[in-house]
Amino acid sequence: SCPAQIKEHIRHFASRGAMDIEGLGEKVSARLFDAKLIQDPADLYYLTKEQLLSLDRQAKKSTEKLLDAILRSKTPSLDKFIFALGIRHVGERTAKLLAEHFGSMEKFMKASLEALTRVNEIGPEIAQSIVEFFAEDKNRKVLEKFERAGLSPQAKETLAGAPLQGKAFVFTGSLDSMDRNQARAYVESLGGSVHSSVTGKTFYLVAGREPGSKLDKARSQGITVLSEDEFLKLVGR
């Protein structure tokens, strides 16, 4: 693929309908590619803070925000991940149908031409395009890189039955066992969400060392406060 196509592919991967990586628009992805920091979308998950800071005009705050957004995208819904891959003829609707039918990336990748055409609304042209995509060596290598980086697309059903589904978390103070980004990733992988301030929707407040005013606010609103140990048990650590 020519550089322009690769840049477009990376931009599509990060776009709202796909992996929704905030802060990774056309300009930033083009700069990362031109600086040889990324050659394909999977490289995004191996970027370091130092590499991003080495890019001109890349401020510390936006660097941290971007790394955070990349980390948050590690547990996408299966349909969004399939759409993000940029397989020819596979739009958002087709990606949803495929995700519902196969239920996992592994089953989808192994599907034969015949199995694909049995999926509602998937004609021979789309099926052929999917088979060709997974048969291509460079695509398989990128998918292996995603897997090594810990990307785990979730079928809607598994998220729906997730233990923390619909529960909003707020953190205050510092944790000993992990940083804020890792804590967020654990919560989101189990179906929960993380917010920056205590509101009526907050379900749990996790209080680490030297908690701030959020702790008093949570207590005054009758919100369940968890210690770090209690939080670790909850997320199965």
Foldseek 3Di string as FASTA:
>chain_A
DDLVVQLVLLQLLCDDLALVQPPCHSVNSSQCVVVVQDRHNLSLLVDDLVNQVVRPPRDSVSSVSRNLSVLQSLAAAQLRHVCSNVQPPCHSVNSLQLCVVQVAPVSSLPDALVNQCVGPPRHSVSSVSSPVQSVDPVNVVSVVSSVVSNRGHGHPVQLVPFPAAQAEEEEFDAADPDGPSVLQSLQVNRRYHYDHADDPRHQEYEYEPPGDPRVVVCVVSVHHYHYNVRSCVSSVD
